[in-house]
């Protein structure tokens, strides 16, 4: 999965420490895949 840099910067602006983020959608829409891919950009990922 490729995430364009522009979309990543939009996410950085929206997702801040202390905020709650909800990802929702129909079954098989890729919610878990999206979160797994975004995890590599997290400073807290191991």
C-alpha atoms as a PDB file:
ATOM      1  CA  UNK A   1       0.000   0.000   0.000  1.00  0.00           C
ATOM      2  CA  UNK A   2       1.399   3.389  -1.021  1.00  0.00           C
ATOM      3  CA  UNK A   3       0.398   6.448   0.990  1.00  0.00           C
ATOM      4  CA  UNK A   4       1.161   9.751  -0.778  1.00  0.00           C
ATOM      5  CA  UNK A   5       3.227  12.249   1.220  1.00  0.00           C
ATOM      6  CA  UNK A   6       0.463  14.866   0.959  1.00  0.00           C
ATOM      7  CA  UNK A   7      -1.997  12.565   2.697  1.00  0.00           C
ATOM      8  CA  UNK A   8       0.550  11.762   5.406  1.00  0.00           C
ATOM      9  CA  UNK A   9       1.017  15.438   6.192  1.00  0.00           C
ATOM     10  CA  UNK A  10      -2.781  15.824   6.438  1.00  0.00           C
ATOM     11  CA  UNK A  11      -2.814  12.964   8.932  1.00  0.00           C
ATOM     12  CA  UNK A  12       0.017  14.502  10.952  1.00  0.00           C
ATOM     13  CA  UNK A  13      -2.026  17.692  11.272  1.00  0.00           C
ATOM     14  CA  UNK A  14      -5.142  15.806  12.363  1.00  0.00           C
ATOM     15  CA  UNK A  15      -3.623  13.186  14.669  1.00  0.00           C
ATOM     16  CA  UNK A  16      -2.029  14.726  17.733  1.00  0.00           C
ATOM     17  CA  UNK A  17      -1.129  13.322  21.150  1.00  0.00           C
ATOM     18  CA  UNK A  18      -4.187  13.182  23.360  1.00  0.00           C
ATOM     19  CA  UNK A  19      -6.651  12.986  20.456  1.00  0.00           C
ATOM     20  CA  UNK A  20      -8.890  10.023  19.734  1.00  0.00           C
ATOM     21  CA  UNK A  21      -8.986   8.817  16.136  1.00  0.00           C
ATOM     22  CA  UNK A  22     -11.673   6.496  14.779  1.00  0.00           C
ATOM     23  CA  UNK A  23     -11.281   4.465  11.597  1.00  0.00           C
ATOM     24  CA  UNK A  24     -14.538   2.962  10.422  1.00  0.00           C
ATOM     25  CA  UNK A  25     -15.975   1.435   7.287  1.00  0.00           C
ATOM     26  CA  UNK A  26     -17.532  -1.705   5.874  1.00  0.00           C
ATOM     27  CA  UNK A  27     -16.004  -5.159   6.208  1.00  0.00           C
ATOM     28  CA  UNK A  28     -13.030  -5.855   3.939  1.00  0.00           C
ATOM     29  CA  UNK A  29     -12.464  -2.144   3.294  1.00  0.00           C
ATOM     30  CA  UNK A  30      -8.827  -2.190   4.478  1.00  0.00           C
ATOM     31  CA  UNK A  31      -9.089  -0.588   7.915  1.00  0.00           C
ATOM     32  CA  UNK A  32      -6.612  -2.957   9.563  1.00  0.00           C
ATOM     33  CA  UNK A  33      -4.242  -2.755   6.601  1.00  0.00           C
ATOM     34  CA  UNK A  34      -4.309   1.040   6.763  1.00  0.00           C
ATOM     35  CA  UNK A  35      -3.468   1.047  10.478  1.00  0.00           C
ATOM     36  CA  UNK A  36      -0.657  -1.484   9.990  1.00  0.00           C
ATOM     37  CA  UNK A  37       0.856   0.625   7.204  1.00  0.00           C
ATOM     38  CA  UNK A  38       0.567   3.849   9.198  1.00  0.00           C
ATOM     39  CA  UNK A  39       2.320   2.190  12.139  1.00  0.00           C
ATOM     40  CA  UNK A  40       5.648   2.313  10.266  1.00  0.00           C
ATOM     41  CA  UNK A  41       5.420   6.119  10.367  1.00  0.00           C
ATOM     42  CA  UNK A  42       4.850   6.194  14.129  1.00  0.00           C
ATOM     43  CA  UNK A  43       7.723   7.282  16.378  1.00  0.00           C
ATOM     44  CA  UNK A  44       6.446   4.667  18.847  1.00  0.00           C
ATOM     45  CA  UNK A  45       6.570   1.669  16.494  1.00  0.00           C
ATOM     46  CA  UNK A  46       8.975  -1.117  17.369  1.00  0.00           C
END
